[in-house]
Amino acid sequence: MNTFNLAYEWTLNTPKSLTVLTNEFGQVGIIYSEKNFGDTQTLLLQLSEDMLSMNSIPHHIEKVDVSLKKVITVSLAHYIIEWEKDNKVPK
């Protein structure tokens, strides 16, 4: 897992195979760049001091956990995890 410190004191944990784009305004884009599963879709998050909103959730994301301590954890879908194991993608 990779850990990112985001705007407004949020923390993001993602699998290493995801790319994270962010800015100081609390906008976060999380991309799975492997194109074996169709088009690349982006998980879009908007952060504020006391709120997180998901503006889109792509098919390769199984779940997004959000704790009261401002920690976001993104989990990949099971079929992506299995594909990565079979193709020896770094975790």
Protein backbone atom coordinates (compact mmCIF):
# COMPACT_ATOMS: atom_id res chain seq x y z
CA MET A 1 0.00 0.00 0.00
CA ASN A 2 1.03 3.58 -0.67
CA THR A 3 0.14 6.36 1.75
CA PHE A 4 -0.47 9.97 0.68
CA ASN A 5 -0.95 13.06 2.83
CA LEU A 6 -3.70 15.13 1.22
CA ALA A 7 -5.21 18.58 1.67
CA TYR A 8 -7.18 19.36 4.83
CA GLU A 9 -5.17 16.76 6.81
CA TRP A 10 -6.70 13.75 5.02
CA THR A 11 -4.64 10.59 4.49
CA LEU A 12 -5.09 8.21 1.56
CA ASN A 13 -4.01 4.55 1.42
CA THR A 14 -4.04 2.88 -2.00
CA PRO A 15 -2.64 -0.26 -3.61
CA LYS A 16 0.68 0.42 -5.34
CA SER A 17 -0.85 -0.23 -8.76
CA LEU A 18 -3.00 2.93 -8.53
CA THR A 19 -1.82 6.38 -9.59
CA VAL A 20 -2.90 9.32 -7.42
CA LEU A 21 -3.22 12.90 -8.69
CA THR A 22 -4.08 15.64 -6.21
CA ASN A 23 -3.92 19.36 -5.60
CA GLU A 24 -4.06 21.79 -2.69
CA PHE A 25 -7.79 22.43 -3.26
CA GLY A 26 -8.77 18.93 -2.11
CA GLN A 27 -9.37 17.43 -5.54
CA VAL A 28 -8.11 13.85 -5.86
CA GLY A 29 -8.04 11.58 -8.92
CA ILE A 30 -7.17 7.90 -8.51
CA ILE A 31 -6.42 5.96 -11.69
CA TYR A 32 -5.79 2.30 -12.46
CA SER A 33 -3.73 2.68 -15.60
CA GLU A 34 -3.79 -0.97 -16.73
CA LYS A 35 -5.87 -1.04 -19.93
CA ASN A 36 -6.66 -4.77 -19.95
CA PHE A 37 -10.11 -4.11 -18.48
CA GLY A 38 -11.43 -1.51 -20.92
CA ASP A 39 -11.19 2.23 -20.62
CA THR A 40 -9.34 3.79 -17.73
CA GLN A 41 -11.81 5.36 -15.34
CA THR A 42 -10.90 7.68 -12.51
CA LEU A 43 -12.11 7.64 -8.92
CA LEU A 44 -12.76 11.33 -8.26
CA LEU A 45 -12.82 12.64 -4.70
CA GLN A 46 -13.45 16.14 -3.39
CA LEU A 47 -12.14 16.84 0.11
CA SER A 48 -12.94 19.62 2.52
CA GLU A 49 -12.19 20.23 6.19
CA ASP A 50 -15.11 18.06 7.33
CA MET A 51 -16.41 16.20 4.26
CA LEU A 52 -15.43 13.80 1.49
CA SER A 53 -17.54 13.37 -1.61
CA MET A 54 -17.06 10.76 -4.33
CA ASN A 55 -17.87 12.22 -7.71
CA SER A 56 -17.35 8.92 -9.56
CA ILE A 57 -16.44 5.35 -8.70
CA PRO A 58 -15.04 3.14 -11.46
CA HIS A 59 -15.66 -0.59 -11.88
CA HIS A 60 -12.15 -1.60 -10.76
CA ILE A 61 -12.66 -0.16 -7.24
CA GLU A 62 -14.38 -2.56 -4.87
CA LYS A 63 -14.75 -0.20 -1.94
CA VAL A 64 -13.64 3.05 -0.38
CA ASP A 65 -13.44 3.09 3.42
CA VAL A 66 -13.44 6.41 5.24
CA SER A 67 -12.61 6.63 8.95
CA LEU A 68 -13.54 9.33 11.41
CA LYS A 69 -9.81 10.13 11.66
CA LYS A 70 -9.80 11.34 8.01
CA VAL A 71 -8.19 8.19 6.62
CA ILE A 72 -9.37 6.97 3.20
CA THR A 73 -8.54 3.40 2.13
CA VAL A 74 -9.21 2.29 -1.44
CA SER A 75 -9.55 -1.42 -2.28
CA LEU A 76 -9.40 -2.93 -5.76
CA ALA A 77 -12.04 -5.33 -7.08
CA HIS A 78 -11.32 -9.02 -6.55
CA TYR A 79 -10.88 -9.75 -10.27
CA ILE A 80 -8.19 -7.03 -10.50
CA ILE A 81 -6.31 -8.50 -7.52
CA GLU A 82 -6.43 -11.97 -9.12
CA TRP A 83 -5.25 -10.59 -12.47
CA GLU A 84 -2.34 -8.79 -10.77
CA LYS A 85 -1.32 -12.01 -8.98
CA ASP A 86 -1.40 -13.95 -12.25
CA ASN A 87 0.61 -11.26 -14.02
CA LYS A 88 3.03 -10.56 -11.16
CA VAL A 89 2.15 -6.86 -10.77
CA PRO A 90 3.95 -5.30 -7.75
CA LYS A 91 1.73 -4.72 -4.72
